[in-house]
N, C-alpha and C. Protein backbone atom coordinates (compact mmCIF):
# COMPACT_ATOMS: atom_id res chain seq x y z
N UNK A 1 10.09 -0.17 -13.91
CA UNK A 1 9.28 0.67 -13.10
C UNK A 1 10.73 0.90 -12.01
N UNK A 2 10.95 2.65 -11.34
CA UNK A 2 11.84 2.65 -11.09
C UNK A 2 11.57 3.15 -9.13
N UNK A 3 12.53 2.36 -8.59
CA UNK A 3 12.22 2.64 -7.16
C UNK A 3 12.25 4.01 -6.76
N UNK A 4 11.45 4.54 -5.63
CA UNK A 4 11.91 5.78 -5.13
C UNK A 4 12.94 6.43 -4.50
N UNK A 5 13.74 5.29 -4.11
CA UNK A 5 14.75 5.26 -3.06
C UNK A 5 15.76 4.99 -3.44
N UNK A 6 16.12 3.88 -4.37
CA UNK A 6 17.07 3.96 -5.03
C UNK A 6 17.71 4.21 -6.47
N UNK A 7 16.17 4.83 -6.96
CA UNK A 7 16.28 5.39 -8.62
C UNK A 7 16.41 4.05 -9.56
N UNK A 8 16.77 3.23 -9.28
CA UNK A 8 16.96 1.80 -10.33
C UNK A 8 15.93 1.37 -10.73
N UNK A 9 16.17 1.11 -12.01
CA UNK A 9 14.85 0.60 -12.85
C UNK A 9 15.01 -0.91 -12.71
N UNK A 10 13.88 -1.36 -12.35
CA UNK A 10 13.57 -2.72 -11.97
C UNK A 10 12.63 -3.63 -12.67
N UNK A 11 12.55 -4.69 -12.96
CA UNK A 11 11.48 -5.09 -13.25
C UNK A 11 10.61 -5.24 -12.59
N UNK A 12 9.07 -5.96 -12.71
CA UNK A 12 7.98 -5.82 -12.11
C UNK A 12 8.13 -6.77 -10.60
N UNK A 13 9.16 -8.25 -10.97
CA UNK A 13 9.04 -8.78 -10.11
C UNK A 13 9.68 -8.21 -8.49
N UNK A 14 10.29 -7.59 -9.01
CA UNK A 14 11.37 -6.91 -8.03
C UNK A 14 10.21 -6.21 -7.00
N UNK A 15 9.23 -5.52 -7.07
CA UNK A 15 8.20 -4.63 -6.09
C UNK A 15 6.87 -5.65 -5.70
N UNK A 16 7.18 -6.83 -5.23
CA UNK A 16 6.30 -7.62 -4.38
C UNK A 16 5.42 -6.83 -3.29
N UNK A 17 6.70 -6.29 -2.39
CA UNK A 17 6.39 -5.72 -0.90
C UNK A 17 5.28 -4.46 -1.40
N UNK A 18 5.00 -3.99 -0.22
CA UNK A 18 4.25 -2.83 0.09
C UNK A 18 4.69 -2.11 1.09
N UNK A 19 5.34 -0.70 0.68
CA UNK A 19 5.88 0.04 1.58
C UNK A 19 4.75 0.79 2.46
N UNK A 20 4.85 0.69 3.50
CA UNK A 20 3.88 1.57 4.84
C UNK A 20 3.87 3.12 5.07
N UNK A 21 3.75 3.70 4.78
CA UNK A 21 3.49 5.20 4.93
C UNK A 21 3.55 5.26 6.35
N UNK A 22 3.10 4.81 7.19
CA UNK A 22 3.37 4.59 8.81
C UNK A 22 3.70 3.29 9.02
N UNK A 23 5.02 3.38 9.80
CA UNK A 23 5.31 2.12 10.10
C UNK A 23 4.84 1.12 10.73
N UNK A 24 4.49 -0.03 10.76
CA UNK A 24 3.69 -0.82 11.11
C UNK A 24 4.36 -1.18 12.68
N UNK A 25 5.66 -0.61 13.28
CA UNK A 25 5.92 -0.71 14.41
C UNK A 25 5.29 0.27 15.32
N UNK A 26 4.37 1.00 14.70
CA UNK A 26 3.66 2.15 15.59
C UNK A 26 2.22 1.49 15.61
N UNK A 27 1.93 0.36 15.30
CA UNK A 27 0.55 -0.21 15.29
C UNK A 27 0.09 -0.62 13.71
N UNK A 28 -1.21 -1.53 13.84
CA UNK A 28 -1.76 -1.93 12.54
C UNK A 28 -3.07 -1.25 12.16
N UNK A 29 -3.14 -0.28 11.27
CA UNK A 29 -4.37 0.89 11.37
C UNK A 29 -5.13 0.14 10.32
N UNK A 30 -6.58 0.25 10.24
CA UNK A 30 -7.20 0.02 9.29
C UNK A 30 -6.98 0.92 8.27
N UNK A 31 -7.09 0.48 7.20
CA UNK A 31 -6.87 1.48 5.64
C UNK A 31 -5.26 2.22 5.89
N UNK A 32 -4.39 1.44 6.47
CA UNK A 32 -3.02 2.24 6.13
C UNK A 32 -2.57 2.38 4.88
N UNK A 33 -2.02 4.09 4.92
CA UNK A 33 -1.81 4.24 3.60
C UNK A 33 -0.43 3.46 3.13
N UNK A 34 -0.45 2.36 1.52
CA UNK A 34 0.70 2.09 1.46
C UNK A 34 1.34 2.41 -0.03
N UNK A 35 2.36 2.17 -0.29
CA UNK A 35 3.20 2.55 -1.68
C UNK A 35 2.91 0.98 -2.30
N UNK A 36 2.35 0.80 -3.56
CA UNK A 36 2.21 -0.39 -4.41
C UNK A 36 2.98 -0.38 -5.62
N UNK A 37 4.25 -0.72 -5.64
CA UNK A 37 4.95 -1.06 -6.49
C UNK A 37 5.64 0.69 -7.19
N UNK A 38 6.05 0.96 -6.07
CA UNK A 38 7.30 1.99 -5.91
C UNK A 38 8.20 1.96 -5.44
N UNK A 39 8.37 0.99 -4.36
CA UNK A 39 9.27 0.80 -3.44
C UNK A 39 10.12 -0.65 -3.82
N UNK A 40 11.35 -0.78 -4.69
CA UNK A 40 11.51 -2.05 -4.82
C UNK A 40 12.02 -3.02 -3.52
N UNK A 41 11.60 -4.14 -3.25
CA UNK A 41 11.79 -5.44 -2.33
C UNK A 41 12.97 -5.13 -1.66
N UNK A 42 14.09 -4.81 -2.00
CA UNK A 42 15.40 -4.48 -1.74
C UNK A 42 15.55 -3.32 -0.67
N UNK A 43 15.00 -2.07 -1.07
CA UNK A 43 14.99 -0.87 -0.64
C UNK A 43 14.06 -0.89 0.69
N UNK A 44 12.74 -1.63 0.43
CA UNK A 44 12.02 -2.01 1.43
C UNK A 44 12.12 -3.02 2.98
N UNK A 45 13.03 -3.92 2.46
CA UNK A 45 13.64 -4.45 3.20
C UNK A 45 14.62 -3.50 4.21
N UNK A 46 15.23 -2.76 3.56
CA UNK A 46 16.67 -2.06 3.82
C UNK A 46 15.90 -1.08 5.02
N UNK A 47 15.04 -0.48 4.90
CA UNK A 47 14.25 0.59 5.15
C UNK A 47 13.67 -0.32 6.71
N UNK A 48 13.27 -1.26 6.50
CA UNK A 48 12.59 -2.04 7.59
C UNK A 48 13.06 -2.34 8.46
N UNK A 49 14.13 -3.43 7.98
CA UNK A 49 15.01 -3.75 9.48
C UNK A 49 16.28 -2.30 10.00
N UNK A 50 16.00 -1.26 9.64
CA UNK A 50 17.03 -0.25 9.95
C UNK A 50 16.11 0.95 10.64
N UNK A 51 15.68 1.60 9.49
CA UNK A 51 15.11 3.00 9.75
C UNK A 51 13.93 2.89 10.47
N UNK A 52 12.93 2.22 10.27
CA UNK A 52 11.93 1.58 10.66
C UNK A 52 11.86 1.16 12.39
N UNK A 53 12.98 0.30 12.38
CA UNK A 53 13.20 0.15 13.64
C UNK A 53 13.38 0.75 14.57
N UNK A 54 14.46 1.86 14.41
CA UNK A 54 14.84 3.21 14.61
C UNK A 54 13.74 3.87 15.51
N UNK A 55 13.01 4.31 14.72
CA UNK A 55 11.66 4.96 14.78
C UNK A 55 10.52 4.06 15.60
N UNK A 56 10.74 2.71 15.56
CA UNK A 56 9.59 2.03 16.53
C UNK A 56 10.50 2.21 17.98
N UNK A 57 11.51 1.97 18.16
CA UNK A 57 12.10 2.02 19.33
C UNK A 57 12.85 3.12 20.08
N UNK A 58 13.37 3.73 19.54
CA UNK A 58 14.04 4.97 19.76
C UNK A 58 14.05 6.38 19.47
N UNK A 59 12.64 6.53 19.45
CA UNK A 59 12.44 7.59 19.43
C UNK A 59 11.03 8.24 20.41
N UNK A 60 10.60 9.27 20.66
CA UNK A 60 9.30 9.46 21.43
C UNK A 60 7.85 8.68 21.40
N UNK A 61 7.96 9.09 19.82
CA UNK A 61 6.62 8.58 18.97
C UNK A 61 6.37 6.69 19.63
N UNK A 62 7.59 6.41 18.93
CA UNK A 62 7.76 4.83 18.95
C UNK A 62 7.70 4.24 20.59
N UNK A 63 8.40 4.68 21.38
CA UNK A 63 8.76 4.63 22.70
C UNK A 63 7.13 4.58 23.22
N UNK A 64 6.03 4.99 23.24
CA UNK A 64 5.29 5.79 23.94
C UNK A 64 3.81 4.66 23.65
N UNK A 65 4.21 4.28 22.26
CA UNK A 65 3.18 3.65 21.86
C UNK A 65 2.51 2.50 22.47
């Protein structure tokens, strides 16, 4: 499978996590859209600790929720 972010071909065990379309830092929503087996665990982790943290803390949307 190919990760949609790093574009690397990886084996299926590298795709255990779920990529949330709407970051969980904005809240936990019933039936939140997620991407299954499209984002490798490494990219999902990197985005989770960098980009999603910034969205959740340093934006108007994240700061007001």
